[in-house]
Amino acid sequence: MMEIKDFPDLKDYSLLSKQMTDSVLAGILFLAVTYYLLKRNVPQMLIWVVLGYLVAFNWIHSSRIVAVLFGILCAWAVCYTSTREYFEQEKLAEKDTESKDPEPTGKSTPHVDLGTTILHAYRNLTPEQIGGMRRDTKELMELQKELMGTLAEMKPAIEQGAELLGTFSQFFGKPQ
């Protein structure tokens, strides 16, 4: 019975096939990660994925898929660490503002500080939400301009209608 070791070309071919499969799957995984990070609007994290890939592939000598996974893990670690630090700073800032909140007035009705409430609500908005509010406000202003133009165009018709009603009231008397 013949074995693969009897055919050295087939042995190289199977190794080449494994390397090619590894490269293709790693490329697909990298493209998927790139697409995900671009959709999340964090393309700077790709640098960490590439850096992790280079470290794992060149120094650890792992397969390409494992190297891409290591790069993803590096990017996740950087993201987790930086957001955790950001939220810790936000909590400290929030504690400072909570200590500055006004004291209760002593009345039986609860006190609502409108300025503080709006400030806290504004801090909870994401940049996408703020951008959406800006777009909505611009659209609303344009719509109001259109409505004012329509009212200006309708002004003569309304004045004529008022004159016509005045004429009818002269013929038929004023309603009681």
Protein backbone atom coordinates (compact mmCIF):
# COMPACT_ATOMS: atom_id res chain seq x y z
CA MET A 1 0.00 0.00 0.00
CA MET A 2 1.29 3.45 -0.91
CA GLU A 3 1.49 6.23 1.66
CA ILE A 4 1.92 9.99 1.46
CA LYS A 5 5.56 9.71 2.46
CA ASP A 6 6.15 7.78 -0.77
CA PHE A 7 5.08 10.89 -2.69
CA PRO A 8 7.00 13.92 -1.40
CA ASP A 9 5.16 16.27 -3.78
CA LEU A 10 1.81 15.34 -2.21
CA LYS A 11 3.21 15.96 1.25
CA ASP A 12 4.25 19.48 0.23
CA TYR A 13 0.90 19.98 -1.44
CA SER A 14 -1.04 19.10 1.72
CA LEU A 15 1.17 21.45 3.77
CA LEU A 16 0.65 24.18 1.18
CA SER A 17 -3.09 23.54 1.26
CA LYS A 18 -3.15 23.89 5.06
CA GLN A 19 -1.17 27.14 4.89
CA MET A 20 -3.43 28.48 2.16
CA THR A 21 -6.54 27.61 4.17
CA ASP A 22 -5.04 29.24 7.25
CA SER A 23 -4.24 32.41 5.28
CA VAL A 24 -7.67 32.61 3.66
CA LEU A 25 -9.55 32.08 6.93
CA ALA A 26 -7.33 34.58 8.73
CA GLY A 27 -7.94 37.10 5.93
CA ILE A 28 -11.70 36.62 6.14
CA LEU A 29 -11.58 36.99 9.93
CA PHE A 30 -9.50 40.16 9.62
CA LEU A 31 -11.92 41.62 7.05
CA ALA A 32 -14.85 40.83 9.34
CA VAL A 33 -13.11 42.53 12.28
CA THR A 34 -12.27 45.54 10.08
CA TYR A 35 -15.89 45.84 8.96
CA TYR A 36 -17.13 45.56 12.56
CA LEU A 37 -14.73 48.21 13.87
CA LEU A 38 -15.51 50.60 11.02
CA LYS A 39 -19.25 50.17 11.64
CA ARG A 40 -18.69 50.91 15.33
CA ASN A 41 -16.77 54.05 14.32
CA VAL A 42 -13.54 52.97 16.04
CA PRO A 43 -11.05 52.43 13.18
CA GLN A 44 -8.16 53.29 15.52
CA MET A 45 -8.62 49.86 17.12
CA LEU A 46 -7.40 48.26 13.87
CA ILE A 47 -3.89 49.35 14.80
CA TRP A 48 -4.07 47.18 17.90
CA VAL A 49 -5.41 44.24 15.91
CA VAL A 50 -2.53 44.52 13.42
CA LEU A 51 0.02 45.00 16.20
CA GLY A 52 -1.26 41.93 18.05
CA TYR A 53 -1.21 39.95 14.80
CA LEU A 54 2.41 40.91 14.10
CA VAL A 55 3.51 40.01 17.61
CA ALA A 56 1.78 36.62 17.57
CA PHE A 57 2.82 35.69 14.04
CA ASN A 58 6.43 36.87 14.07
CA TRP A 59 7.56 36.31 17.66
CA ILE A 60 5.32 33.55 18.92
CA HIS A 61 5.26 31.83 15.50
CA SER A 62 1.60 30.88 15.69
CA SER A 63 -0.76 30.23 12.79
CA ARG A 64 -2.32 33.19 11.04
CA ILE A 65 -5.78 32.54 12.48
CA VAL A 66 -4.40 32.38 16.02
CA ALA A 67 -2.41 35.55 15.31
CA VAL A 68 -5.54 37.41 14.15
CA LEU A 69 -7.41 36.17 17.23
CA PHE A 70 -4.51 37.39 19.40
CA GLY A 71 -4.76 40.78 17.64
CA ILE A 72 -8.50 40.91 18.37
CA LEU A 73 -7.78 40.06 22.00
CA CYS A 74 -5.20 42.87 22.18
CA ALA A 75 -7.67 45.37 20.72
CA TRP A 76 -10.34 44.24 23.18
CA ALA A 77 -7.92 44.60 26.10
CA VAL A 78 -6.98 48.14 25.07
CA CYS A 79 -10.62 49.09 24.58
CA TYR A 80 -11.69 47.56 27.90
CA THR A 81 -8.88 49.25 29.82
CA SER A 82 -9.44 52.67 28.29
CA THR A 83 -13.23 52.64 28.73
CA ARG A 84 -12.92 51.41 32.31
CA GLU A 85 -10.58 54.32 33.11
CA TYR A 86 -12.97 56.72 31.36
CA PHE A 87 -15.96 55.51 33.35
CA GLU A 88 -14.02 55.68 36.61
CA GLN A 89 -13.19 59.33 35.84
CA GLU A 90 -16.85 59.98 35.01
CA LYS A 91 -17.94 58.46 38.33
CA LEU A 92 -15.51 60.71 40.22
CA ALA A 93 -16.79 63.75 38.34
CA GLU A 94 -20.37 62.70 39.05
CA LYS A 95 -19.63 62.40 42.78
CA ASP A 96 -18.23 65.94 42.71
CA THR A 97 -21.38 67.29 41.02
CA GLU A 98 -23.64 65.36 43.37
CA SER A 99 -22.01 67.08 46.33
CA LYS A 100 -22.78 70.43 44.66
CA ASP A 101 -26.50 69.67 44.25
CA PRO A 102 -28.76 72.13 46.06
CA GLU A 103 -30.06 71.30 49.51
CA PRO A 104 -33.75 70.51 49.94
CA THR A 105 -35.92 73.53 50.63
CA GLY A 106 -37.73 71.93 53.56
CA LYS A 107 -41.06 72.16 51.79
CA SER A 108 -43.40 69.20 51.67
CA THR A 109 -43.22 69.10 47.86
CA PRO A 110 -40.08 67.66 46.28
CA HIS A 111 -37.61 70.12 44.80
CA VAL A 112 -36.57 69.67 41.17
CA ASP A 113 -33.52 71.57 40.04
CA LEU A 114 -34.17 72.04 36.33
CA GLY A 115 -30.62 73.10 35.48
CA THR A 116 -29.02 70.05 37.14
CA THR A 117 -31.58 67.72 35.59
CA ILE A 118 -30.89 69.06 32.10
CA LEU A 119 -27.12 68.91 32.71
CA HIS A 120 -27.29 65.24 33.77
CA ALA A 121 -29.51 64.38 30.80
CA TYR A 122 -27.11 66.14 28.41
CA ARG A 123 -24.11 64.24 29.83
CA ASN A 124 -25.87 60.93 29.16
CA LEU A 125 -26.25 61.70 25.44
CA THR A 126 -23.93 60.01 22.96
CA PRO A 127 -22.27 61.96 20.12
CA GLU A 128 -24.60 60.20 17.65
CA GLN A 129 -27.65 61.34 19.62
CA ILE A 130 -26.37 64.92 19.74
CA GLY A 131 -25.74 64.85 15.99
CA GLY A 132 -29.26 63.52 15.46
CA MET A 133 -30.68 66.32 17.58
CA ARG A 134 -28.77 68.87 15.51
CA ARG A 135 -30.11 67.41 12.27
CA ASP A 136 -33.65 67.31 13.66
CA THR A 137 -33.37 70.92 14.81
CA LYS A 138 -32.17 72.05 11.37
CA GLU A 139 -35.05 70.19 9.72
CA LEU A 140 -37.51 71.76 12.16
CA MET A 141 -36.16 75.25 11.44
CA GLU A 142 -36.49 74.67 7.69
CA LEU A 143 -40.06 73.42 8.17
CA GLN A 144 -40.90 76.50 10.25
CA LYS A 145 -39.49 78.75 7.50
CA GLU A 146 -41.68 76.95 4.96
CA LEU A 147 -44.74 77.37 7.19
CA MET A 148 -44.04 81.07 7.62
CA GLY A 149 -43.74 81.42 3.84
CA THR A 150 -47.03 79.58 3.37
CA LEU A 151 -48.74 81.84 5.91
CA ALA A 152 -47.33 84.90 4.16
CA GLU A 153 -48.76 83.61 0.85
CA MET A 154 -52.13 82.94 2.51
CA LYS A 155 -52.34 86.42 4.07
CA PRO A 156 -54.08 88.07 1.08
CA ALA A 157 -56.64 85.25 0.87
CA ILE A 158 -57.38 85.52 4.59
CA GLU A 159 -57.79 89.30 4.32
CA GLN A 160 -60.18 88.88 1.37
CA GLY A 161 -62.15 86.29 3.38
CA ALA A 162 -62.42 88.72 6.28
CA GLU A 163 -63.70 91.45 3.93
CA LEU A 164 -66.22 89.01 2.46
CA LEU A 165 -67.49 88.09 5.93
CA GLY A 166 -67.77 91.79 6.72
CA THR A 167 -69.88 92.27 3.58
CA PHE A 168 -72.15 89.35 4.50
CA SER A 169 -72.61 90.70 7.99
CA GLN A 170 -73.80 94.01 6.48
CA PHE A 171 -76.45 92.24 4.38
CA PHE A 172 -77.64 89.72 6.94
CA GLY A 173 -76.89 91.52 10.14
CA LYS A 174 -74.52 90.57 12.90
CA PRO A 175 -74.99 87.13 14.50
CA GLN A 176 -76.37 87.21 18.01
